[in-house]
Amino acid sequence: MKWHELGEMNCPIARTLSIFGDRWTLLIIRNAFMKTRRFDDFQKQLGITRHLLTERINRLVEQKIFEKVLYHEAPKRYEYKLTEKGLALYPIIVTMSTWGNIWQNENKQFPELRYLHKNCGQLTSPSLTCDCCKQPIDARQMSPVYVSGEE
């Protein structure tokens, strides 16, 4: 199966991976959440080639995850800002970060990345909960079910 064919599958995970399933795209999105906006800054921070970065950013613009905003007229320079669709990726980034803190740092050789909740001023480790009963979501307690239309 070709990479672009993932977007046609009857699976939301496969369709999502068709947009940002490679390491560079997720790291670009991560850096966008850390307030990186400009092409040269993404390149400097990530060490990615200009060609690959251009390709990944163009895909994120096409998919309406980034908005391309002119910030300098001559020569034309653009910033790339997360759209509402892009901002909706935040729970994925935080969940991956939380998983990495636990499972990819077992010897505690790296400082743990935590998140400061600006509203209350406290460090937090966000977690997933059931929107009905508010219990933590655990894979052993869940079953995926496809439904059609609005329920």
C-alpha atoms as a PDB file:
ATOM      1  CA  MET A   1       0.000   0.000   0.000  1.00  0.00           C
ATOM      2  CA  LYS A   2       1.270   3.449  -0.908  1.00  0.00           C
ATOM      3  CA  TRP A   3       1.538   6.216   1.713  1.00  0.00           C
ATOM      4  CA  HIS A   4      -1.125   8.450   0.102  1.00  0.00           C
ATOM      5  CA  GLU A   5      -3.575   5.521  -0.010  1.00  0.00           C
ATOM      6  CA  LEU A   6      -3.814   5.592   3.793  1.00  0.00           C
ATOM      7  CA  GLY A   7      -6.037   8.679   3.416  1.00  0.00           C
ATOM      8  CA  GLU A   8      -8.653   6.573   1.628  1.00  0.00           C
ATOM      9  CA  MET A   9      -8.939   3.833   4.260  1.00  0.00           C
ATOM     10  CA  ASN A  10     -11.991   3.253   6.422  1.00  0.00           C
ATOM     11  CA  CYS A  11      -9.910   3.934   9.523  1.00  0.00           C
ATOM     12  CA  PRO A  12      -9.511   7.325  11.230  1.00  0.00           C
ATOM     13  CA  ILE A  13      -6.016   6.426  12.446  1.00  0.00           C
ATOM     14  CA  ALA A  14      -4.827   5.542   8.931  1.00  0.00           C
ATOM     15  CA  ARG A  15      -6.376   8.721   7.494  1.00  0.00           C
ATOM     16  CA  THR A  16      -4.666  10.785  10.201  1.00  0.00           C
ATOM     17  CA  LEU A  17      -1.320   9.080   9.598  1.00  0.00           C
ATOM     18  CA  SER A  18      -1.601   9.966   5.906  1.00  0.00           C
ATOM     19  CA  ILE A  19      -1.153  13.604   6.947  1.00  0.00           C
ATOM     20  CA  PHE A  20       1.402  13.492   9.754  1.00  0.00           C
ATOM     21  CA  GLY A  21       2.582   9.939  10.147  1.00  0.00           C
ATOM     22  CA  ASP A  22       6.260  10.646   9.598  1.00  0.00           C
ATOM     23  CA  ARG A  23       8.677  11.847  12.260  1.00  0.00           C
ATOM     24  CA  TRP A  24       9.415  15.228  10.687  1.00  0.00           C
ATOM     25  CA  THR A  25       5.801  16.342  10.422  1.00  0.00           C
ATOM     26  CA  LEU A  26       5.083  15.534  14.057  1.00  0.00           C
ATOM     27  CA  LEU A  27       8.221  17.372  15.143  1.00  0.00           C
ATOM     28  CA  ILE A  28       7.219  20.397  13.051  1.00  0.00           C
ATOM     29  CA  ILE A  29       3.811  20.369  14.735  1.00  0.00           C
ATOM     30  CA  ARG A  30       5.465  19.971  18.147  1.00  0.00           C
ATOM     31  CA  ASN A  31       7.653  23.008  17.477  1.00  0.00           C
ATOM     32  CA  ALA A  32       4.652  25.003  16.274  1.00  0.00           C
ATOM     33  CA  PHE A  33       3.079  24.386  19.688  1.00  0.00           C
ATOM     34  CA  MET A  34       6.318  25.731  21.177  1.00  0.00           C
ATOM     35  CA  LYS A  35       5.707  29.002  19.262  1.00  0.00           C
ATOM     36  CA  THR A  36       7.972  28.384  16.253  1.00  0.00           C
ATOM     37  CA  ARG A  37       6.477  30.150  13.235  1.00  0.00           C
ATOM     38  CA  ARG A  38       9.196  30.812  10.650  1.00  0.00           C
ATOM     39  CA  PHE A  39      10.724  28.432   8.130  1.00  0.00           C
ATOM     40  CA  ASP A  40      14.339  29.198   9.065  1.00  0.00           C
ATOM     41  CA  ASP A  41      13.555  28.656  12.755  1.00  0.00           C
ATOM     42  CA  PHE A  42      11.962  25.259  12.058  1.00  0.00           C
ATOM     43  CA  GLN A  43      14.992  24.295   9.983  1.00  0.00           C
ATOM     44  CA  LYS A  44      17.492  25.466  12.595  1.00  0.00           C
ATOM     45  CA  GLN A  45      15.698  23.758  15.485  1.00  0.00           C
ATOM     46  CA  LEU A  46      15.087  20.455  13.703  1.00  0.00           C
ATOM     47  CA  GLY A  47      18.147  20.141  11.465  1.00  0.00           C
ATOM     48  CA  ILE A  48      15.895  19.083   8.570  1.00  0.00           C
ATOM     49  CA  THR A  49      16.816  19.771   4.940  1.00  0.00           C
ATOM     50  CA  ARG A  50      15.095  22.705   3.216  1.00  0.00           C
ATOM     51  CA  HIS A  51      13.566  20.331   0.676  1.00  0.00           C
ATOM     52  CA  LEU A  52      11.982  18.052   3.289  1.00  0.00           C
ATOM     53  CA  LEU A  53      10.810  20.973   5.413  1.00  0.00           C
ATOM     54  CA  THR A  54       9.219  22.664   2.399  1.00  0.00           C
ATOM     55  CA  GLU A  55       7.428  19.454   1.473  1.00  0.00           C
ATOM     56  CA  ARG A  56       6.120  18.855   5.003  1.00  0.00           C
ATOM     57  CA  ILE A  57       5.031  22.458   5.602  1.00  0.00           C
ATOM     58  CA  ASN A  58       3.272  22.593   2.219  1.00  0.00           C
ATOM     59  CA  ARG A  59       1.324  19.445   3.134  1.00  0.00           C
ATOM     60  CA  LEU A  60       0.340  20.986   6.481  1.00  0.00           C
ATOM     61  CA  VAL A  61      -0.854  24.133   4.670  1.00  0.00           C
ATOM     62  CA  GLU A  62      -2.780  22.037   2.098  1.00  0.00           C
ATOM     63  CA  GLN A  63      -4.432  20.107   4.919  1.00  0.00           C
ATOM     64  CA  LYS A  64      -5.329  23.385   6.676  1.00  0.00           C
ATOM     65  CA  ILE A  65      -3.281  22.509   9.762  1.00  0.00           C
ATOM     66  CA  PHE A  66      -1.040  25.535   9.162  1.00  0.00           C
ATOM     67  CA  GLU A  67      -2.021  28.898   7.796  1.00  0.00           C
ATOM     68  CA  LYS A  68       0.628  30.648   5.684  1.00  0.00           C
ATOM     69  CA  VAL A  69       0.794  34.317   6.744  1.00  0.00           C
ATOM     70  CA  LEU A  70       2.905  36.972   5.008  1.00  0.00           C
ATOM     71  CA  TYR A  71       5.045  38.867   7.539  1.00  0.00           C
ATOM     72  CA  HIS A  72       7.590  40.597   5.234  1.00  0.00           C
ATOM     73  CA  GLU A  73       6.853  42.007   1.785  1.00  0.00           C
ATOM     74  CA  ALA A  74      10.250  42.269   0.060  1.00  0.00           C
ATOM     75  CA  PRO A  75      11.493  39.635  -0.098  1.00  0.00           C
ATOM     76  CA  LYS A  76       8.281  37.754   0.642  1.00  0.00           C
ATOM     77  CA  ARG A  77       8.566  35.910   3.951  1.00  0.00           C
ATOM     78  CA  TYR A  78       5.895  33.841   5.617  1.00  0.00           C
ATOM     79  CA  GLU A  79       5.028  32.536   9.042  1.00  0.00           C
ATOM     80  CA  TYR A  80       3.174  29.292   9.573  1.00  0.00           C
ATOM     81  CA  LYS A  81       0.522  29.432  12.256  1.00  0.00           C
ATOM     82  CA  LEU A  82      -1.592  26.606  13.600  1.00  0.00           C
ATOM     83  CA  THR A  83      -5.223  26.785  12.514  1.00  0.00           C
ATOM     84  CA  GLU A  84      -8.127  25.526  14.646  1.00  0.00           C
ATOM     85  CA  LYS A  85      -7.649  22.156  12.943  1.00  0.00           C
ATOM     86  CA  GLY A  86      -3.960  22.281  13.887  1.00  0.00           C
ATOM     87  CA  LEU A  87      -4.640  23.364  17.464  1.00  0.00           C
ATOM     88  CA  ALA A  88      -6.932  20.335  17.793  1.00  0.00           C
ATOM     89  CA  LEU A  89      -3.785  18.167  17.543  1.00  0.00           C
ATOM     90  CA  TYR A  90      -2.606  19.353  20.957  1.00  0.00           C
ATOM     91  CA  PRO A  91      -4.040  16.381  22.895  1.00  0.00           C
ATOM     92  CA  ILE A  92      -2.094  14.024  20.622  1.00  0.00           C
ATOM     93  CA  ILE A  93       1.174  15.876  21.246  1.00  0.00           C
ATOM     94  CA  VAL A  94       0.587  15.995  25.012  1.00  0.00           C
ATOM     95  CA  THR A  95      -0.380  12.319  25.133  1.00  0.00           C
ATOM     96  CA  MET A  96       2.755  11.326  23.205  1.00  0.00           C
ATOM     97  CA  SER A  97       4.846  13.464  25.529  1.00  0.00           C
ATOM     98  CA  THR A  98       3.292  11.854  28.607  1.00  0.00           C
ATOM     99  CA  TRP A  99       3.897   8.372  27.181  1.00  0.00           C
ATOM    100  CA  GLY A 100       7.509   9.302  26.375  1.00  0.00           C
ATOM    101  CA  ASN A 101       8.068  10.584  29.922  1.00  0.00           C
ATOM    102  CA  ILE A 102       6.970   7.209  31.297  1.00  0.00           C
ATOM    103  CA  TRP A 103       8.133   4.630  28.763  1.00  0.00           C
ATOM    104  CA  GLN A 104      11.094   6.236  26.977  1.00  0.00           C
ATOM    105  CA  ASN A 105      12.814   7.594  30.068  1.00  0.00           C
ATOM    106  CA  GLU A 106      12.768   4.656  32.437  1.00  0.00           C
ATOM    107  CA  ASN A 107      16.287   5.396  33.740  1.00  0.00           C
ATOM    108  CA  LYS A 108      15.345   9.060  34.330  1.00  0.00           C
ATOM    109  CA  GLN A 109      18.279  10.243  32.193  1.00  0.00           C
ATOM    110  CA  PHE A 110      16.196  13.117  30.758  1.00  0.00           C
ATOM    111  CA  PRO A 111      14.200  15.758  32.621  1.00  0.00           C
ATOM    112  CA  GLU A 112      10.480  15.071  32.517  1.00  0.00           C
ATOM    113  CA  LEU A 113       8.473  17.402  30.288  1.00  0.00           C
ATOM    114  CA  ARG A 114       5.447  18.686  32.182  1.00  0.00           C
ATOM    115  CA  TYR A 115       2.749  21.185  31.293  1.00  0.00           C
ATOM    116  CA  LEU A 116       1.788  24.330  33.176  1.00  0.00           C
ATOM    117  CA  HIS A 117      -1.948  24.998  33.171  1.00  0.00           C
ATOM    118  CA  LYS A 118      -2.118  28.789  32.841  1.00  0.00           C
ATOM    119  CA  ASN A 119      -5.634  29.026  34.322  1.00  0.00           C
ATOM    120  CA  CYS A 120      -4.703  27.559  37.699  1.00  0.00           C
ATOM    121  CA  GLY A 121      -0.909  27.975  37.596  1.00  0.00           C
ATOM    122  CA  GLN A 122      -0.219  24.306  38.393  1.00  0.00           C
ATOM    123  CA  LEU A 123       1.915  21.707  36.660  1.00  0.00           C
ATOM    124  CA  THR A 124      -0.252  18.954  35.258  1.00  0.00           C
ATOM    125  CA  SER A 125      -0.040  15.633  33.483  1.00  0.00           C
ATOM    126  CA  PRO A 126      -3.143  15.698  31.289  1.00  0.00           C
ATOM    127  CA  SER A 127      -5.057  12.442  31.064  1.00  0.00           C
ATOM    128  CA  LEU A 128      -7.898  11.046  28.998  1.00  0.00           C
ATOM    129  CA  THR A 129     -11.241  10.468  30.664  1.00  0.00           C
ATOM    130  CA  CYS A 130     -14.616   9.215  29.521  1.00  0.00           C
ATOM    131  CA  ASP A 131     -16.783  12.207  28.634  1.00  0.00           C
ATOM    132  CA  CYS A 132     -19.822  10.476  30.196  1.00  0.00           C
ATOM    133  CA  CYS A 133     -18.661   8.966  33.504  1.00  0.00           C
ATOM    134  CA  LYS A 134     -15.363  10.921  33.865  1.00  0.00           C
ATOM    135  CA  GLN A 135     -13.402   7.719  34.641  1.00  0.00           C
ATOM    136  CA  PRO A 136      -9.866   7.417  33.224  1.00  0.00           C
ATOM    137  CA  ILE A 137      -9.720   5.753  29.823  1.00  0.00           C
ATOM    138  CA  ASP A 138      -7.875   2.442  29.852  1.00  0.00           C
ATOM    139  CA  ALA A 139      -7.452   0.206  26.797  1.00  0.00           C
ATOM    140  CA  ARG A 140      -8.724  -2.771  28.800  1.00  0.00           C
ATOM    141  CA  GLN A 141     -12.023  -0.948  29.401  1.00  0.00           C
ATOM    142  CA  MET A 142     -12.628   0.276  25.835  1.00  0.00           C
ATOM    143  CA  SER A 143     -14.020  -1.209  22.611  1.00  0.00           C
ATOM    144  CA  PRO A 144     -13.862   0.640  19.291  1.00  0.00           C
ATOM    145  CA  VAL A 145     -17.236   0.748  17.535  1.00  0.00           C
ATOM    146  CA  TYR A 146     -17.978   2.364  14.169  1.00  0.00           C
ATOM    147  CA  VAL A 147     -21.194   4.412  14.095  1.00  0.00           C
ATOM    148  CA  SER A 148     -22.844   6.191  11.210  1.00  0.00           C
ATOM    149  CA  GLY A 149     -23.958   9.808  11.387  1.00  0.00           C
ATOM    150  CA  GLU A 150     -24.848  11.686  14.537  1.00  0.00           C
ATOM    151  CA  GLU A 151     -25.730   9.666  17.605  1.00  0.00           C
END
